[in-house]
Structure formats: structure tokens, C-alpha cells
Amino acid sequence: MGEFLLNKIFERDIDKGGMVTEITGISGSGKTSLALGMATQIIKNNPSELVFWREAVNSPCQFNKIGDDIGYQLLAEKRYHLRALEITNDMKKAPLDIRPFRGVQELIKISKPGMLNVVFFKDLYRWIDLIMALRLLPGWKTLIWDEYEDICPQRCKGIQWRKNDELSSNIKQLRKSGISLLMNSQSNMDADFRIRAKIMCFAYCYGARVDTLSPVTDHAIHGLHIGQAWLDHGRSLFGEISFPPFKPKAHIYTIIEGK
């Protein structure tokens, strides 16, 4: 059943549309490895699909763990001044190009299918603007948000609150627009409840906090090892999966703010 539910995330059936999935677990439980594995499978199965990856700044990069057979490009808002450094080379300049863009329409124009499009927005709520724009684009699209509570936090006000409300109101339309959204977090309590209410599939890794409505039990989570997860689809079907690790490369990079 776990394998069956995992494959539902990779289905590209226009009648069923895209999938909204949340991955949770403690630090080191394999959330990013599971997300990278999903990204790899999506790109290999659908080389014409646009795949966008959210990478945090000022921390070791995760995107380049994906493997040598999957390419990536780094895209940043022109007003967001970033530098790529190599942690494993005394923080010297890294051999990574960061391509600038102005606005989400230009971002979409320069994004490429068949690879990870690693995007850096100065204001993280701009990811929601990207989703709204992708709704009008033909074809399949996937967005993968690492630490998604940063993009749609529970405790917010002003423009962030309005953007969260916009995503919550439109997230049901993503499926019809061929958009899949994969989001991971150490603590889903930090993400906006209005958005969490629209999630279709839940992946519980080691140390995850199970939702009260889930058929997956705390006892089942306690039996997990690193590299395993329980999938819960629609609070109805559930099953266990295993997934491989994506270990750090010999060259470890970071993206930092500043010229």
C-alpha cells in the first residue's frame, strides 16, 4: 500500500491532477532525502515538467545532493544580492552561477524542464505569487518547499497573512492546473493551519507528530527507522515506504546574502 500511495504522487493523469503533500519528521529523519528522491523520480518520469526547489540561504545547500544525472540551475531575484561559497574550500567563491530574474513571469520564462530550478526570493511569500502565475501555464509543474513554514508561517500579519489566505483559497485549484506541491517541515505546527487543512497526502518520517485525524498511529511512528516513512492519503489509505539517503557531496556549498 505504501508503494501504491507513493506512486499516486508521481501520477500525471489530467483527470486526477496534481497532489499536495506534506513531509514531517525531526531533524535528520530523512525529509530532504525523501523530497530529493521524489524530485528525481518526477524529473526522470516527466522530462518536460518544470520542477522548482526552495533552498534556504546561509546554510549548507541541499539541492546538489540530487545526483550527477540530474541538472540544476540557480535563479535569484535581481534585487536579492547573493553569493555562492564553498564550505569545503575555506568559504572561497563556489563554481556556481546565480542567474538573476525580475518578477515571476521572467522567472518562468528562464526556468528549464528536466532539472531542478533552485529559486531564491528575497520575500518568501513571492513563492505564492509564482504558484498563482503557474496556474495559467499549460503542462505539469512541481514546487518543492524545504522548511515550508518559512514561506507560509502560522504566526504572521499584514501582507504575509494575506498571501497565506490567497494560497489557502486557491490551493484546491492547483490539482486542476497540473501543479503538485511538496512541502517539508520539522514542525507542521509552525505552518498556517489554513494551508495545512488542504493537504491531500501526509508523509510521516521518524519523530513526526501525527495528526489526530490520521489513521497512522503514534506506535507506528515509534517503529520507524531513518529512511522510512508512513504515507497517509486523505486520512483514509495508509502504508509504509523506505527511501534511500542523499548524502552530502565532496564539495559542500552555501548561498549567502551580500555582494
Protein backbone atom coordinates (compact mmCIF):
# COMPACT_ATOMS: atom_id res chain seq x y z
CA MET A 1 0.00 0.00 0.00
CA GLY A 2 2.86 2.39 0.77
CA GLU A 3 4.32 1.93 -2.71
CA PHE A 4 0.86 2.37 -4.23
CA LEU A 5 0.35 5.68 -2.41
CA LEU A 6 3.85 6.89 -3.31
CA ASN A 7 3.15 6.24 -6.98
CA LYS A 8 -0.01 8.36 -6.73
CA ILE A 9 2.28 11.35 -6.13
CA PHE A 10 4.04 10.58 -9.43
CA GLU A 11 0.87 10.04 -11.46
CA ARG A 12 0.31 12.50 -14.26
CA ASP A 13 -3.37 11.92 -15.03
CA ILE A 14 -5.18 15.07 -16.15
CA ASP A 15 -8.41 13.82 -14.55
CA LYS A 16 -6.73 13.45 -11.14
CA GLY A 17 -4.37 16.41 -11.48
CA GLY A 18 -1.60 17.37 -9.09
CA MET A 19 -1.02 16.41 -5.45
CA VAL A 20 -0.37 18.49 -2.32
CA THR A 21 1.94 16.55 0.03
CA GLU A 22 3.45 17.36 3.41
CA ILE A 23 6.58 15.63 4.78
CA THR A 24 7.30 15.92 8.50
CA GLY A 25 9.85 14.49 10.92
CA ILE A 26 12.61 15.56 13.28
CA SER A 27 15.91 16.96 12.06
CA GLY A 28 17.93 14.20 10.41
CA SER A 29 14.92 11.94 9.81
CA GLY A 30 15.38 11.99 6.04
CA LYS A 31 12.78 14.58 4.99
CA THR A 32 15.10 16.24 2.47
CA SER A 33 16.25 12.86 1.13
CA LEU A 34 12.63 11.86 0.58
CA ALA A 35 11.95 15.16 -1.19
CA LEU A 36 15.06 14.79 -3.37
CA GLY A 37 14.06 11.24 -4.22
CA MET A 38 10.61 12.44 -5.26
CA ALA A 39 12.15 15.22 -7.35
CA THR A 40 14.46 12.72 -9.05
CA GLN A 41 11.57 10.39 -9.89
CA ILE A 42 9.41 13.23 -11.20
CA ILE A 43 12.18 14.59 -13.45
CA LYS A 44 13.05 11.15 -14.82
CA ASN A 45 9.41 10.23 -15.43
CA ASN A 46 8.45 13.60 -16.90
CA PRO A 47 11.43 15.37 -18.51
CA SER A 48 9.16 18.12 -19.87
CA GLU A 49 7.90 19.08 -16.38
CA LEU A 50 9.04 22.24 -14.60
CA VAL A 51 10.37 21.50 -11.11
CA PHE A 52 11.10 24.33 -8.65
CA TRP A 53 13.10 23.86 -5.44
CA ARG A 54 13.23 26.18 -2.44
CA GLU A 55 16.68 26.37 -0.85
CA ALA A 56 17.41 28.25 2.37
CA VAL A 57 20.22 30.83 2.40
CA ASN A 58 23.05 30.97 4.93
CA SER A 59 23.10 27.20 5.45
CA PRO A 60 24.66 24.19 3.67
CA CYS A 61 22.96 23.65 0.32
CA GLN A 62 20.86 20.53 -0.21
CA PHE A 63 19.98 20.77 -3.91
CA ASN A 64 23.33 19.49 -5.21
CA LYS A 65 22.86 16.17 -3.37
CA ILE A 66 20.35 15.17 -6.03
CA GLY A 67 22.87 13.27 -8.14
CA ASP A 68 25.09 13.71 -11.15
CA ASP A 69 22.40 12.62 -13.63
CA ILE A 70 20.02 15.45 -12.67
CA GLY A 71 21.00 19.02 -13.50
CA TYR A 72 20.12 22.22 -11.70
CA GLN A 73 20.29 25.97 -12.14
CA LEU A 74 20.23 28.72 -9.53
CA LEU A 75 17.81 31.62 -10.06
CA ALA A 76 17.56 34.69 -7.81
CA GLU A 77 15.61 37.93 -7.86
CA LYS A 78 17.81 40.66 -9.28
CA ARG A 79 17.25 42.79 -6.18
CA TYR A 80 18.36 39.91 -3.95
CA HIS A 81 22.16 40.06 -3.80
CA LEU A 82 23.54 36.58 -3.17
CA ARG A 83 26.92 34.86 -3.33
CA ALA A 84 27.77 31.17 -3.68
CA LEU A 85 30.64 29.98 -1.46
CA GLU A 86 32.20 26.57 -0.90
CA ILE A 87 32.22 25.48 2.73
CA THR A 88 34.73 22.70 1.99
CA ASN A 89 37.18 25.21 0.47
CA ASP A 90 37.54 27.77 3.28
CA MET A 91 34.44 29.69 2.13
CA LYS A 92 36.01 30.67 -1.18
CA LYS A 93 33.84 31.50 -4.20
CA ALA A 94 31.99 28.42 -5.42
CA PRO A 95 31.79 27.40 -9.09
CA LEU A 96 28.04 28.11 -9.19
CA ASP A 97 26.33 30.70 -11.37
CA ILE A 98 23.30 32.51 -9.99
CA ARG A 99 21.06 33.75 -12.79
CA PRO A 100 19.04 36.90 -11.99
CA PHE A 101 15.39 37.48 -12.85
CA ARG A 102 12.87 40.31 -12.47
CA GLY A 103 9.45 39.09 -11.40
CA VAL A 104 7.75 35.73 -11.63
CA GLN A 105 6.97 35.97 -15.34
CA GLU A 106 10.66 36.31 -16.21
CA LEU A 107 11.43 33.51 -13.77
CA ILE A 108 9.01 31.21 -15.55
CA LYS A 109 10.47 32.20 -18.90
CA ILE A 110 14.06 31.26 -17.94
CA SER A 111 13.15 28.12 -15.96
CA LYS A 112 14.01 24.86 -17.65
CA PRO A 113 12.25 21.48 -17.62
CA GLY A 114 14.10 18.28 -16.79
CA MET A 115 16.14 19.77 -13.95
CA LEU A 116 15.89 21.44 -10.55
CA ASN A 117 15.18 25.15 -10.82
CA VAL A 118 16.54 26.36 -7.48
CA VAL A 119 14.82 29.68 -6.76
CA PHE A 120 15.70 32.44 -4.28
CA PHE A 121 13.09 35.09 -3.49
CA LYS A 122 14.00 38.00 -1.22
CA ASP A 123 10.47 37.90 0.20
CA LEU A 124 9.48 34.28 0.65
CA TYR A 125 5.78 34.96 0.13
CA ARG A 126 6.68 35.57 -3.52
CA TRP A 127 6.59 31.77 -3.87
CA ILE A 128 2.82 32.14 -3.59
CA ASP A 129 2.87 34.65 -6.47
CA LEU A 130 4.77 32.05 -8.50
CA ILE A 131 2.09 29.44 -7.82
CA MET A 132 -0.65 31.85 -8.89
CA ALA A 133 1.20 32.51 -12.16
CA LEU A 134 1.86 28.81 -12.81
CA ARG A 135 -1.88 28.10 -12.62
CA LEU A 136 -2.25 29.74 -16.03
CA LEU A 137 0.66 27.82 -17.59
CA PRO A 138 -0.06 24.61 -19.54
CA GLY A 139 1.69 21.37 -18.67
CA TRP A 140 2.76 19.82 -15.37
CA LYS A 141 4.61 21.75 -12.67
CA THR A 142 6.03 20.76 -9.28
CA LEU A 143 7.16 23.02 -6.43
CA ILE A 144 9.20 21.60 -3.55
CA TRP A 145 9.42 23.74 -0.43
CA ASP A 146 12.09 22.80 2.07
CA GLU A 147 11.09 24.12 5.54
CA TYR A 148 7.81 25.40 4.18
CA GLU A 149 6.80 27.08 7.43
CA ASP A 150 9.17 29.88 6.37
CA ILE A 151 7.01 30.52 3.29
CA CYS A 152 3.59 30.36 4.96
CA PRO A 153 4.13 30.75 8.71
CA GLN A 154 1.33 30.34 11.22
CA ARG A 155 2.23 33.49 13.16
CA CYS A 156 2.07 36.34 10.67
CA LYS A 157 0.27 39.57 9.81
CA GLY A 158 -0.02 42.13 7.02
CA ILE A 159 0.96 41.07 3.52
CA GLN A 160 2.15 37.65 4.72
CA TRP A 161 -1.27 36.91 6.25
CA ARG A 162 -2.98 37.97 3.01
CA LYS A 163 -0.65 35.82 0.89
CA ASN A 164 -1.30 32.81 3.10
CA ASP A 165 -5.02 33.43 2.70
CA GLU A 166 -4.62 33.68 -1.07
CA LEU A 167 -2.81 30.34 -1.22
CA SER A 168 -5.34 28.70 1.09
CA SER A 169 -8.23 29.94 -1.07
CA ASN A 170 -6.61 28.74 -4.30
CA ILE A 171 -4.78 25.58 -3.27
CA LYS A 172 -7.73 23.43 -4.33
CA GLN A 173 -7.24 24.79 -7.85
CA LEU A 174 -3.64 23.53 -8.04
CA ARG A 175 -4.77 19.98 -8.76
CA LYS A 176 -6.83 21.16 -11.72
CA SER A 177 -3.90 23.23 -13.01
CA GLY A 178 -1.44 20.32 -13.10
CA ILE A 179 0.53 21.65 -10.11
CA SER A 180 1.98 19.42 -7.41
CA LEU A 181 3.24 20.92 -4.16
CA LEU A 182 5.66 19.00 -1.92
CA MET A 183 6.37 20.65 1.42
CA ASN A 184 8.50 19.51 4.34
CA SER A 185 8.88 20.76 7.89
CA GLN A 186 10.31 19.69 11.25
CA SER A 187 7.16 21.00 12.92
CA ASN A 188 3.93 21.42 10.99
CA MET A 189 2.61 23.40 13.99
CA ASP A 190 4.58 26.37 12.63
CA ALA A 191 2.77 26.37 9.25
CA ASP A 192 -0.50 28.21 8.59
CA PHE A 193 -3.44 25.95 9.55
CA ARG A 194 -5.49 27.28 6.61
CA ILE A 195 -2.99 25.75 4.18
CA ARG A 196 -2.49 22.55 6.15
CA ALA A 197 -6.25 21.94 6.01
CA LYS A 198 -5.97 21.49 2.21
CA ILE A 199 -3.15 18.90 2.21
CA MET A 200 -4.01 15.67 0.39
CA CYS A 201 -1.15 13.35 1.37
CA PHE A 202 0.95 13.25 4.54
CA ALA A 203 4.38 11.61 4.84
CA TYR A 204 5.43 10.94 8.44
CA CYS A 205 9.15 10.32 8.90
CA TYR A 206 10.98 9.34 12.07
CA GLY A 207 9.97 11.52 15.01
CA ALA A 208 6.97 13.10 13.27
CA ARG A 209 3.95 14.33 15.22
CA VAL A 210 0.88 12.53 13.87
CA ASP A 211 -2.32 14.48 13.26
CA THR A 212 -5.28 13.36 15.35
CA LEU A 213 -7.37 12.60 12.23
CA SER A 214 -4.71 10.33 10.70
CA PRO A 215 -5.19 6.54 10.65
CA VAL A 216 -1.44 6.26 11.29
CA THR A 217 -0.78 5.71 15.00
CA ASP A 218 1.92 7.07 17.26
CA HIS A 219 3.03 3.46 17.80
CA ALA A 220 3.63 3.10 14.05
CA ILE A 221 5.80 6.24 14.02
CA HIS A 222 7.77 4.96 17.01
CA GLY A 223 8.69 1.87 14.97
CA LEU A 224 10.26 3.85 12.12
CA HIS A 225 13.97 3.99 11.35
CA ILE A 226 15.80 6.72 9.44
CA GLY A 227 14.92 6.27 5.77
CA GLN A 228 11.38 5.05 6.43
CA ALA A 229 8.05 6.86 6.43
CA TRP A 230 4.33 6.26 6.69
CA LEU A 231 2.13 7.75 3.97
CA ASP A 232 -1.42 8.84 4.75
CA HIS A 233 -3.60 9.67 1.76
CA GLY A 234 -6.79 11.55 2.50
CA ARG A 235 -6.96 10.37 6.13
CA SER A 236 -8.05 7.02 4.71
CA LEU A 237 -5.40 4.92 2.98
CA PHE A 238 -2.00 4.45 4.60
CA GLY A 239 1.16 2.43 4.12
CA GLU A 240 4.87 2.31 4.90
CA ILE A 241 7.71 3.13 2.49
CA SER A 242 11.51 3.07 2.54
CA PHE A 243 13.73 5.52 0.66
CA PRO A 244 17.48 5.92 0.05
CA PRO A 245 19.63 8.65 1.60
CA PHE A 246 21.03 11.55 -0.41
CA LYS A 247 24.38 12.10 1.26
CA PRO A 248 26.48 15.32 1.10
CA LYS A 249 28.80 15.66 -1.87
CA ALA A 250 32.56 16.14 -1.57
CA HIS A 251 32.00 19.84 -2.32
CA ILE A 252 29.55 21.48 0.08
CA TYR A 253 28.20 24.88 -0.92
CA THR A 254 26.26 27.67 0.74
CA ILE A 255 24.40 30.68 -0.61
CA ILE A 256 24.82 33.82 1.49
CA GLU A 257 23.41 37.32 1.32
CA GLY A 258 25.64 40.21 0.29
CA LYS A 259 27.64 41.37 -2.74
